Amino acid sequence: MISFTIAYPYAEGKKFDMDYYLNKHLTKTTEVLGNKVKGFMVEQGLAGLVPNTPPAFFFIAHIYFENITDFMETMALAGDVASDIPNYTHVTPMAHVAEVIV
């Protein structure tokens, strides 16, 4: 299994529109990437490790694929999805591709 992780680092004064992400962007992502996506997991940052500090990330999304070939094929379609990012945040996301071990 392959995990494609997209993380939006927390930054003072920046916004992340969770409602837009969950109700519009995620739907668009599912439609564009199709049935090669095996699942999603989304996380909203709450706090930092030190009391009364902000989270390291506003939001982290994990998108799962059966194998690297399926991931690469769907990423060729992802330009339309990426162009939607300014509609919910101006934070530049970080991306990570990994093999799920456990």
N, C-alpha and C. Protein backbone atom coordinates (compact mmCIF):
# COMPACT_ATOMS: atom_id res chain seq x y z
N MET A 1 0.85 -1.18 0.00
CA MET A 1 0.00 0.00 0.00
C MET A 1 0.89 1.24 0.00
N ILE A 2 0.47 2.26 -0.74
CA ILE A 2 1.19 3.53 -0.84
C ILE A 2 0.36 4.61 -0.16
N SER A 3 1.03 5.45 0.61
CA SER A 3 0.39 6.59 1.25
C SER A 3 0.96 7.88 0.65
N PHE A 4 0.07 8.71 0.16
CA PHE A 4 0.44 10.04 -0.29
C PHE A 4 -0.06 11.01 0.77
N THR A 5 0.87 11.67 1.44
CA THR A 5 0.53 12.56 2.54
C THR A 5 0.75 14.00 2.12
N ILE A 6 -0.25 14.83 2.42
CA ILE A 6 -0.17 16.25 2.14
C ILE A 6 -0.36 16.96 3.47
N ALA A 7 0.64 17.74 3.88
CA ALA A 7 0.59 18.42 5.17
C ALA A 7 0.67 19.93 4.96
N TYR A 8 -0.17 20.64 5.67
CA TYR A 8 -0.22 22.09 5.60
C TYR A 8 0.34 22.66 6.90
N PRO A 9 1.59 23.14 6.89
CA PRO A 9 2.22 23.64 8.11
C PRO A 9 1.46 24.83 8.70
N TYR A 10 1.37 24.84 10.02
CA TYR A 10 0.74 25.95 10.71
C TYR A 10 1.60 27.20 10.56
N ALA A 11 0.96 28.33 10.33
CA ALA A 11 1.66 29.61 10.26
C ALA A 11 0.75 30.67 10.85
N GLU A 12 1.27 31.43 11.78
CA GLU A 12 0.50 32.51 12.42
C GLU A 12 -0.07 33.44 11.37
N GLY A 13 -1.35 33.74 11.49
CA GLY A 13 -2.00 34.66 10.56
C GLY A 13 -2.51 34.02 9.28
N LYS A 14 -2.19 32.77 9.04
CA LYS A 14 -2.68 32.07 7.84
C LYS A 14 -3.99 31.37 8.17
N LYS A 15 -4.76 31.09 7.15
CA LYS A 15 -6.05 30.44 7.33
C LYS A 15 -6.12 29.11 6.58
N PHE A 16 -6.95 28.24 7.10
CA PHE A 16 -7.26 26.98 6.45
C PHE A 16 -8.76 26.78 6.58
N ASP A 17 -9.47 26.79 5.45
CA ASP A 17 -10.93 26.66 5.45
C ASP A 17 -11.31 25.18 5.44
N MET A 18 -11.49 24.63 6.65
CA MET A 18 -11.79 23.20 6.78
C MET A 18 -13.11 22.84 6.12
N ASP A 19 -14.11 23.70 6.24
CA ASP A 19 -15.41 23.42 5.63
C ASP A 19 -15.26 23.26 4.11
N TYR A 20 -14.56 24.19 3.47
CA TYR A 20 -14.35 24.10 2.02
C TYR A 20 -13.60 22.81 1.69
N TYR A 21 -12.53 22.53 2.45
CA TYR A 21 -11.72 21.35 2.16
C TYR A 21 -12.58 20.08 2.22
N LEU A 22 -13.31 19.92 3.30
CA LEU A 22 -14.08 18.69 3.49
C LEU A 22 -15.27 18.57 2.56
N ASN A 23 -15.94 19.68 2.27
CA ASN A 23 -17.18 19.61 1.51
C ASN A 23 -17.05 19.86 0.02
N LYS A 24 -15.94 20.44 -0.40
CA LYS A 24 -15.75 20.69 -1.83
C LYS A 24 -14.47 20.06 -2.38
N HIS A 25 -13.34 20.38 -1.75
CA HIS A 25 -12.07 19.90 -2.27
C HIS A 25 -11.96 18.37 -2.21
N LEU A 26 -12.35 17.78 -1.10
CA LEU A 26 -12.25 16.33 -0.95
C LEU A 26 -13.14 15.62 -1.97
N THR A 27 -14.33 16.18 -2.22
CA THR A 27 -15.23 15.61 -3.23
C THR A 27 -14.59 15.69 -4.61
N LYS A 28 -14.01 16.84 -4.92
CA LYS A 28 -13.35 17.03 -6.20
C LYS A 28 -12.17 16.06 -6.35
N THR A 29 -11.40 15.90 -5.29
CA THR A 29 -10.26 14.98 -5.30
C THR A 29 -10.71 13.57 -5.59
N THR A 30 -11.76 13.13 -4.93
CA THR A 30 -12.28 11.78 -5.14
C THR A 30 -12.75 11.58 -6.57
N GLU A 31 -13.43 12.57 -7.12
CA GLU A 31 -13.91 12.48 -8.50
C GLU A 31 -12.77 12.41 -9.50
N VAL A 32 -11.74 13.24 -9.31
CA VAL A 32 -10.63 13.31 -10.26
C VAL A 32 -9.75 12.07 -10.18
N LEU A 33 -9.41 11.63 -8.97
CA LEU A 33 -8.48 10.51 -8.82
C LEU A 33 -9.14 9.15 -9.03
N GLY A 34 -10.44 9.07 -8.86
CA GLY A 34 -11.18 7.87 -9.20
C GLY A 34 -10.99 6.68 -8.28
N ASN A 35 -11.26 5.50 -8.84
CA ASN A 35 -11.31 4.28 -8.04
C ASN A 35 -9.94 3.70 -7.66
N LYS A 36 -8.86 4.31 -8.11
CA LYS A 36 -7.54 3.84 -7.69
C LYS A 36 -7.22 4.28 -6.26
N VAL A 37 -7.98 5.25 -5.77
CA VAL A 37 -7.83 5.67 -4.37
C VAL A 37 -8.52 4.62 -3.51
N LYS A 38 -7.77 4.05 -2.58
CA LYS A 38 -8.29 3.00 -1.71
C LYS A 38 -8.83 3.55 -0.40
N GLY A 39 -8.51 4.79 -0.07
CA GLY A 39 -9.05 5.39 1.13
C GLY A 39 -8.38 6.71 1.45
N PHE A 40 -8.98 7.42 2.40
CA PHE A 40 -8.48 8.70 2.87
C PHE A 40 -8.43 8.69 4.39
N MET A 41 -7.56 9.48 4.94
CA MET A 41 -7.60 9.79 6.36
C MET A 41 -7.21 11.26 6.47
N VAL A 42 -7.98 12.02 7.22
CA VAL A 42 -7.68 13.43 7.38
C VAL A 42 -7.54 13.76 8.87
N GLU A 43 -6.62 14.67 9.17
CA GLU A 43 -6.34 15.06 10.55
C GLU A 43 -6.31 16.59 10.63
N GLN A 44 -6.94 17.13 11.67
CA GLN A 44 -6.89 18.57 11.91
C GLN A 44 -6.02 18.79 13.14
N GLY A 45 -4.99 19.65 13.00
CA GLY A 45 -4.10 19.94 14.11
C GLY A 45 -4.83 20.66 15.23
N LEU A 46 -4.51 20.26 16.48
CA LEU A 46 -5.15 20.88 17.64
C LEU A 46 -4.19 21.67 18.51
N ALA A 47 -2.98 21.12 18.72
CA ALA A 47 -2.05 21.76 19.63
C ALA A 47 -0.64 21.25 19.37
N GLY A 48 0.33 22.01 19.90
CA GLY A 48 1.71 21.58 19.84
C GLY A 48 2.03 20.68 21.03
N LEU A 49 3.24 20.16 21.07
CA LEU A 49 3.65 19.30 22.19
C LEU A 49 3.81 20.09 23.48
N VAL A 50 4.20 21.33 23.37
CA VAL A 50 4.34 22.19 24.53
C VAL A 50 2.97 22.82 24.82
N PRO A 51 2.52 22.82 26.08
CA PRO A 51 1.21 23.40 26.39
C PRO A 51 1.06 24.83 25.87
N ASN A 52 -0.13 25.11 25.38
CA ASN A 52 -0.50 26.44 24.88
C ASN A 52 0.28 26.89 23.65
N THR A 53 0.72 25.94 22.84
CA THR A 53 1.38 26.28 21.58
C THR A 53 0.52 25.75 20.43
N PRO A 54 0.64 26.38 19.27
CA PRO A 54 -0.17 25.93 18.13
C PRO A 54 0.35 24.59 17.58
N PRO A 55 -0.48 23.93 16.80
CA PRO A 55 -0.06 22.67 16.19
C PRO A 55 1.04 22.89 15.14
N ALA A 56 1.79 21.86 14.84
CA ALA A 56 2.80 21.96 13.79
C ALA A 56 2.14 22.11 12.42
N PHE A 57 0.95 21.51 12.26
CA PHE A 57 0.24 21.54 10.99
C PHE A 57 -1.22 21.91 11.19
N PHE A 58 -1.76 22.72 10.28
CA PHE A 58 -3.19 22.99 10.27
C PHE A 58 -3.94 21.68 10.02
N PHE A 59 -3.41 20.94 9.04
CA PHE A 59 -4.16 19.82 8.50
C PHE A 59 -3.21 18.86 7.80
N ILE A 60 -3.49 17.57 7.92
CA ILE A 60 -2.73 16.55 7.21
C ILE A 60 -3.73 15.59 6.57
N ALA A 61 -3.53 15.30 5.31
CA ALA A 61 -4.37 14.34 4.59
C ALA A 61 -3.50 13.19 4.10
N HIS A 62 -4.04 11.98 4.22
CA HIS A 62 -3.37 10.79 3.71
C HIS A 62 -4.31 10.17 2.67
N ILE A 63 -3.78 9.91 1.50
CA ILE A 63 -4.55 9.26 0.44
C ILE A 63 -3.83 7.95 0.13
N TYR A 64 -4.58 6.86 0.14
CA TYR A 64 -3.98 5.53 0.00
C TYR A 64 -4.25 4.92 -1.37
N PHE A 65 -3.21 4.26 -1.89
CA PHE A 65 -3.25 3.59 -3.19
C PHE A 65 -2.73 2.16 -3.02
N GLU A 66 -3.19 1.26 -3.87
CA GLU A 66 -2.76 -0.14 -3.80
C GLU A 66 -1.27 -0.30 -4.07
N ASN A 67 -0.75 0.48 -5.05
CA ASN A 67 0.65 0.33 -5.42
C ASN A 67 1.18 1.63 -6.03
N ILE A 68 2.48 1.68 -6.26
CA ILE A 68 3.11 2.90 -6.77
C ILE A 68 2.65 3.23 -8.19
N THR A 69 2.35 2.21 -8.97
CA THR A 69 1.88 2.44 -10.35
C THR A 69 0.55 3.18 -10.34
N ASP A 70 -0.37 2.73 -9.49
CA ASP A 70 -1.67 3.41 -9.39
C ASP A 70 -1.48 4.85 -8.92
N PHE A 71 -0.59 5.05 -7.96
CA PHE A 71 -0.33 6.41 -7.48
C PHE A 71 0.19 7.29 -8.61
N MET A 72 1.18 6.82 -9.35
CA MET A 72 1.78 7.61 -10.42
C MET A 72 0.75 7.92 -11.52
N GLU A 73 -0.09 6.96 -11.85
CA GLU A 73 -1.11 7.19 -12.88
C GLU A 73 -2.12 8.26 -12.44
N THR A 74 -2.51 8.24 -11.18
CA THR A 74 -3.48 9.22 -10.72
C THR A 74 -2.84 10.60 -10.56
N MET A 75 -1.57 10.66 -10.23
CA MET A 75 -0.92 11.97 -10.08
C MET A 75 -0.86 12.71 -11.41
N ALA A 76 -0.89 11.99 -12.50
CA ALA A 76 -0.92 12.63 -13.81
C ALA A 76 -2.23 13.41 -14.00
N LEU A 77 -3.26 13.07 -13.21
CA LEU A 77 -4.56 13.73 -13.29
C LEU A 77 -4.75 14.82 -12.23
N ALA A 78 -3.78 14.96 -11.35
CA ALA A 78 -3.97 15.76 -10.14
C ALA A 78 -3.81 17.27 -10.32
N GLY A 79 -3.42 17.74 -11.47
CA GLY A 79 -3.23 19.18 -11.67
C GLY A 79 -4.49 19.97 -11.37
N ASP A 80 -5.63 19.45 -11.76
CA ASP A 80 -6.90 20.13 -11.52
C ASP A 80 -7.19 20.21 -10.02
N VAL A 81 -6.80 19.18 -9.29
CA VAL A 81 -6.99 19.16 -7.84
C VAL A 81 -6.09 20.19 -7.19
N ALA A 82 -4.83 20.24 -7.57
CA ALA A 82 -3.87 21.19 -6.98
C ALA A 82 -4.28 22.64 -7.26
N SER A 83 -4.89 22.89 -8.39
CA SER A 83 -5.28 24.27 -8.72
C SER A 83 -6.39 24.78 -7.80
N ASP A 84 -7.02 23.89 -7.03
CA ASP A 84 -8.09 24.27 -6.12
C ASP A 84 -7.56 24.72 -4.75
N ILE A 85 -6.30 24.49 -4.46
CA ILE A 85 -5.73 24.80 -3.14
C ILE A 85 -5.97 26.24 -2.71
N PRO A 86 -5.77 27.25 -3.56
CA PRO A 86 -6.00 28.64 -3.11
C PRO A 86 -7.43 28.93 -2.66
N ASN A 87 -8.36 28.05 -2.97
CA ASN A 87 -9.74 28.25 -2.53
C ASN A 87 -9.94 27.95 -1.05
N TYR A 88 -9.00 27.21 -0.43
CA TYR A 88 -9.16 26.93 1.00
C TYR A 88 -7.96 27.33 1.85
N THR A 89 -6.82 27.64 1.25
CA THR A 89 -5.67 28.10 2.04
C THR A 89 -4.63 28.75 1.15
N HIS A 90 -3.79 29.57 1.77
CA HIS A 90 -2.63 30.13 1.08
C HIS A 90 -1.34 29.56 1.64
N VAL A 91 -1.48 28.53 2.47
CA VAL A 91 -0.33 27.83 3.02
C VAL A 91 0.19 26.87 1.95
N THR A 92 1.49 26.88 1.72
CA THR A 92 2.09 25.96 0.76
C THR A 92 2.20 24.58 1.40
N PRO A 93 1.56 23.56 0.80
CA PRO A 93 1.59 22.24 1.40
C PRO A 93 2.93 21.52 1.18
N MET A 94 3.18 20.57 2.06
CA MET A 94 4.32 19.66 1.92
C MET A 94 3.76 18.32 1.50
N ALA A 95 4.46 17.59 0.64
CA ALA A 95 3.97 16.29 0.18
C ALA A 95 5.00 15.21 0.48
N HIS A 96 4.49 14.00 0.70
CA HIS A 96 5.35 12.87 1.05
C HIS A 96 4.70 11.61 0.48
N VAL A 97 5.49 10.79 -0.19
CA VAL A 97 5.02 9.51 -0.73
C VAL A 97 5.77 8.42 0.00
N ALA A 98 5.03 7.42 0.52
CA ALA A 98 5.67 6.37 1.30
C ALA A 98 4.96 5.04 1.11
N GLU A 99 5.70 3.98 1.40
CA GLU A 99 5.11 2.65 1.45
C GLU A 99 4.64 2.43 2.88
N VAL A 100 3.40 1.95 3.01
CA VAL A 100 2.86 1.65 4.34
C VAL A 100 3.45 0.31 4.78
N ILE A 101 4.10 0.32 5.92
CA ILE A 101 4.73 -0.89 6.44
C ILE A 101 3.81 -1.62 7.42
N VAL A 102 3.19 -0.90 8.31
CA VAL A 102 2.29 -1.51 9.30
C VAL A 102 0.96 -0.81 9.23
